[in-house]
Amino acid sequence: MYLIDITLKTDIIPAGQNETLLAGHRAWFAKYFEQGKFLMLGPYRDQAGAGMIIAQTGSREELDAMLAEDVYWANKLADYRVREFQANLIAKSLPEWAGK
């Protein structure tokens, strides 16, 4: 399992491209969420232009290939920090926290 911290480089995102890039980013993470590769994701509430993805893939190489498809990655418009994570305990109430 992987924790992926993404922080946009808002100072270098071309003016007028925010909405187009964000739409591409959302399509990218929706694709992998629907495939069951991204288990949980969302923006940080205390930092604009940043968020977290919890992912499960067969290998780090598979994850790296998936990340390379993101519009922000391809254009070097975000920093990605990937940490390998082992979930030892998972709360049964986890689904109740969606959107909060």
C-alpha atoms as a PDB file:
ATOM      1  CA  MET A   1       0.000   0.000   0.000  1.00  0.00           C
ATOM      2  CA  TYR A   2       1.227   3.496  -0.764  1.00  0.00           C
ATOM      3  CA  LEU A   3       0.566   6.985   0.558  1.00  0.00           C
ATOM      4  CA  ILE A   4       0.951   9.567  -2.199  1.00  0.00           C
ATOM      5  CA  ASP A   5       1.268  13.212  -1.237  1.00  0.00           C
ATOM      6  CA  ILE A   6       0.720  15.551  -4.198  1.00  0.00           C
ATOM      7  CA  THR A   7       1.458  19.278  -4.039  1.00  0.00           C
ATOM      8  CA  LEU A   8       0.799  21.455  -7.071  1.00  0.00           C
ATOM      9  CA  LYS A   9       3.436  23.955  -8.132  1.00  0.00           C
ATOM     10  CA  THR A  10       0.840  26.707  -8.397  1.00  0.00           C
ATOM     11  CA  ASP A  11       3.482  29.332  -9.180  1.00  0.00           C
ATOM     12  CA  ILE A  12       4.346  27.666 -12.513  1.00  0.00           C
ATOM     13  CA  ILE A  13       0.928  26.450 -13.677  1.00  0.00           C
ATOM     14  CA  PRO A  14       0.191  28.435 -16.844  1.00  0.00           C
ATOM     15  CA  ALA A  15      -2.506  31.069 -16.458  1.00  0.00           C
ATOM     16  CA  GLY A  16      -5.819  29.948 -17.861  1.00  0.00           C
ATOM     17  CA  GLN A  17      -4.986  26.227 -17.697  1.00  0.00           C
ATOM     18  CA  ASN A  18      -6.090  25.521 -14.135  1.00  0.00           C
ATOM     19  CA  GLU A  19      -9.512  24.120 -15.035  1.00  0.00           C
ATOM     20  CA  THR A  20      -8.253  22.003 -17.944  1.00  0.00           C
ATOM     21  CA  LEU A  21      -5.439  20.519 -15.863  1.00  0.00           C
ATOM     22  CA  LEU A  22      -7.721  19.875 -12.898  1.00  0.00           C
ATOM     23  CA  ALA A  23     -10.243  18.108 -15.157  1.00  0.00           C
ATOM     24  CA  GLY A  24      -7.469  15.870 -16.508  1.00  0.00           C
ATOM     25  CA  HIS A  25      -6.225  15.161 -12.975  1.00  0.00           C
ATOM     26  CA  ARG A  26      -9.734  14.244 -11.826  1.00  0.00           C
ATOM     27  CA  ALA A  27     -10.226  11.909 -14.809  1.00  0.00           C
ATOM     28  CA  TRP A  28      -6.887  10.264 -14.001  1.00  0.00           C
ATOM     29  CA  PHE A  29      -7.667   9.580 -10.365  1.00  0.00           C
ATOM     30  CA  ALA A  30     -11.264   8.518 -11.175  1.00  0.00           C
ATOM     31  CA  LYS A  31      -9.886   5.906 -13.593  1.00  0.00           C
ATOM     32  CA  TYR A  32      -7.725   4.299 -10.934  1.00  0.00           C
ATOM     33  CA  PHE A  33     -10.330   4.674  -8.209  1.00  0.00           C
ATOM     34  CA  GLU A  34     -12.831   2.793 -10.379  1.00  0.00           C
ATOM     35  CA  GLN A  35     -10.218   0.078 -10.982  1.00  0.00           C
ATOM     36  CA  GLY A  36      -9.719  -0.303  -7.228  1.00  0.00           C
ATOM     37  CA  LYS A  37      -6.090   0.879  -7.351  1.00  0.00           C
ATOM     38  CA  PHE A  38      -6.779   4.133  -5.494  1.00  0.00           C
ATOM     39  CA  LEU A  39      -8.547   3.253  -2.259  1.00  0.00           C
ATOM     40  CA  MET A  40      -9.045   6.711  -0.788  1.00  0.00           C
ATOM     41  CA  LEU A  41      -8.177  10.203  -1.967  1.00  0.00           C
ATOM     42  CA  GLY A  42      -8.941  13.831  -1.437  1.00  0.00           C
ATOM     43  CA  PRO A  43      -7.579  17.337  -0.946  1.00  0.00           C
ATOM     44  CA  TYR A  44      -5.973  18.636   2.204  1.00  0.00           C
ATOM     45  CA  ARG A  45      -8.207  21.084   4.001  1.00  0.00           C
ATOM     46  CA  ASP A  46      -5.295  22.986   5.492  1.00  0.00           C
ATOM     47  CA  GLN A  47      -3.249  23.408   2.286  1.00  0.00           C
ATOM     48  CA  ALA A  48      -4.571  24.610  -1.053  1.00  0.00           C
ATOM     49  CA  GLY A  49      -3.374  22.759  -4.135  1.00  0.00           C
ATOM     50  CA  ALA A  50      -2.390  19.619  -2.258  1.00  0.00           C
ATOM     51  CA  GLY A  51      -3.876  16.254  -1.394  1.00  0.00           C
ATOM     52  CA  MET A  52      -3.348  12.603  -0.561  1.00  0.00           C
ATOM     53  CA  ILE A  53      -4.032   9.303  -2.312  1.00  0.00           C
ATOM     54  CA  ILE A  54      -3.950   5.911  -0.629  1.00  0.00           C
ATOM     55  CA  ALA A  55      -3.159   3.338  -3.313  1.00  0.00           C
ATOM     56  CA  GLN A  56      -2.739  -0.415  -3.604  1.00  0.00           C
ATOM     57  CA  THR A  57      -0.887  -1.820  -6.591  1.00  0.00           C
ATOM     58  CA  GLY A  58       0.998  -4.978  -7.478  1.00  0.00           C
ATOM     59  CA  SER A  59       4.350  -3.186  -7.381  1.00  0.00           C
ATOM     60  CA  ARG A  60       6.068   0.170  -7.077  1.00  0.00           C
ATOM     61  CA  GLU A  61       6.790   0.009 -10.798  1.00  0.00           C
ATOM     62  CA  GLU A  62       3.059  -0.261 -11.515  1.00  0.00           C
ATOM     63  CA  LEU A  63       2.382   2.723  -9.272  1.00  0.00           C
ATOM     64  CA  ASP A  64       5.112   4.770 -10.954  1.00  0.00           C
ATOM     65  CA  ALA A  65       3.584   4.029 -14.377  1.00  0.00           C
ATOM     66  CA  MET A  66       0.179   5.154 -13.088  1.00  0.00           C
ATOM     67  CA  LEU A  67       1.602   8.375 -11.631  1.00  0.00           C
ATOM     68  CA  ALA A  68       3.298   9.147 -14.941  1.00  0.00           C
ATOM     69  CA  GLU A  69      -0.164   9.374 -16.546  1.00  0.00           C
ATOM     70  CA  ASP A  70      -1.252  12.298 -14.355  1.00  0.00           C
ATOM     71  CA  VAL A  71      -1.317  15.617 -16.246  1.00  0.00           C
ATOM     72  CA  TYR A  72       0.544  17.355 -13.437  1.00  0.00           C
ATOM     73  CA  TRP A  73       3.308  14.697 -13.443  1.00  0.00           C
ATOM     74  CA  ALA A  74       3.712  14.756 -17.203  1.00  0.00           C
ATOM     75  CA  ASN A  75       4.178  18.526 -17.175  1.00  0.00           C
ATOM     76  CA  LYS A  76       6.253  18.631 -13.931  1.00  0.00           C
ATOM     77  CA  LEU A  77       3.580  20.845 -12.361  1.00  0.00           C
ATOM     78  CA  ALA A  78       3.423  19.014  -9.021  1.00  0.00           C
ATOM     79  CA  ASP A  79       5.634  17.359  -6.459  1.00  0.00           C
ATOM     80  CA  TYR A  80       4.811  13.745  -5.600  1.00  0.00           C
ATOM     81  CA  ARG A  81       5.985  12.126  -2.382  1.00  0.00           C
ATOM     82  CA  VAL A  82       5.356   8.384  -2.257  1.00  0.00           C
ATOM     83  CA  ARG A  83       5.652   6.365   0.937  1.00  0.00           C
ATOM     84  CA  GLU A  84       5.147   2.627   1.273  1.00  0.00           C
ATOM     85  CA  PHE A  85       2.659   1.894   4.042  1.00  0.00           C
ATOM     86  CA  GLN A  86       1.397  -1.173   5.886  1.00  0.00           C
ATOM     87  CA  ALA A  87      -2.135  -0.928   7.306  1.00  0.00           C
ATOM     88  CA  ASN A  88      -2.200  -3.064  10.449  1.00  0.00           C
ATOM     89  CA  LEU A  89      -5.533  -1.812  11.767  1.00  0.00           C
ATOM     90  CA  ILE A  90      -8.478  -0.539   9.703  1.00  0.00           C
ATOM     91  CA  ALA A  91     -11.519   0.962  11.402  1.00  0.00           C
ATOM     92  CA  LYS A  92     -14.871  -0.567  10.454  1.00  0.00           C
ATOM     93  CA  SER A  93     -16.337   2.943  10.478  1.00  0.00           C
ATOM     94  CA  LEU A  94     -14.019   4.141   7.704  1.00  0.00           C
ATOM     95  CA  PRO A  95     -16.795   4.497   5.063  1.00  0.00           C
ATOM     96  CA  GLU A  96     -18.722   6.808   7.403  1.00  0.00           C
ATOM     97  CA  TRP A  97     -15.940   9.402   7.089  1.00  0.00           C
ATOM     98  CA  ALA A  98     -16.240   9.912   3.329  1.00  0.00           C
ATOM     99  CA  GLY A  99     -16.530  13.629   2.515  1.00  0.00           C
ATOM    100  CA  LYS A 100     -15.813  14.799   6.053  1.00  0.00           C
END
